[in-house]
Amino acid sequence: MLIGTSALLLTACNDKDTKAGPTSEAAAPMGTGQPGETTAAANGQATVRTVGKTGWYDGFDITVDKATVVPDQYGGAKVRIDLTYKNNTTDNKTLSENPYLQVGKEVDAGASFDNPTVPGKGSAAGDITTSVQKLGDAQHLLDTISVVYGQAADNQTTIPLQADGKVDSIAPKTLDVNGTLVQDQTTIQITGGTLSPSYTKNEHGKMDLALHIKIIGGTGISDGGLNIFTEYFSVKTPDGQSLTADDRSPINELLARSQTIDNAKDFVDFVVPAPGPGTYVVAYDATKGASTAPTFSFTVS
């Protein structure tokens, strides 16, 4: 991705929110626009383009619904992009990173973002606004704009406004995984999982394998209980790497005698190489090598 700095032809509609990147120059007034969508800056008519494209980022389905260009009396225009954020997690959540607008090969530093907090499993509307000092062909301007989440060192999602532009994003995959790991007085039941791009900074080319676990205690657990920690879990990846579970989703449970812990937030997370398909072997070892660790294997297609 090439990001440069040019004349201040794109400026913010307001200063209400976070701004990102160097300022980008509006595309030159050229192109014929999209069939059935006509407008002219000269007569002040607005251009409204239905986009209807969805990408995925950090637990959200993000849909760019439409984009509107409204000419002003000075020969420029205001641009508004309307989005819908669907939160796929159970927690109230705000997207971890504001998007930025890429216009051609450059970034619009003047764009302003309404990035809502979305209820768990709910949806909310957001928008991006900016303005151009000189408007030629509104249709061509929209053709040059993409909404981007993540930086070049991250796993990015790019949603172009151009009608035939393809969304560059990887949809999270739900895994139908069920397995059991038994070591002494502890039974670990794997009851499902997900495989998605990692949205942690500087993890381009990495995936997040998250496995939900249920923990069951045996009758022989002592009165003080038994601790279950993240580092007891490991995985062997399809390419042969052995990885310990990552602390981004820590497991820290005190298991009592004959107790069952079925916490919706208990996910064992592994940062694995992209693209992710292949056979994984999960192990559980609370003895740190003092006894044989039980394993469970599954295949992601």
Foldseek 3Di string as FASTA:
>chain_A
DAADADDQFKAAPDDPAAFDFHADAFDDQDDDFDPPFDDFLVVFDKTKAAQQDWADDDQWIKTFGIKMWTHDPQQKTKIKIKMKIFGAAQAFDWGPWAKWKFFARYTHRRKHWDTDGAHGRGMDMIMIMMMGNHDRGPRVRLQRIWIKDDDPLFQMWIGRRRRPDDTDHDDKAKFQDWDWWDDDFKIKIFGTWIKGGDGPGRLPQKIKTKTFIKMFGEQPADAQFDWDWQQQKWKQAQVGDIGGFDPPQIGTDGGGHGDMGRDPSRIGIDIGGPPGFAKMKMWGHPPVPPDDIGIDMDTDD
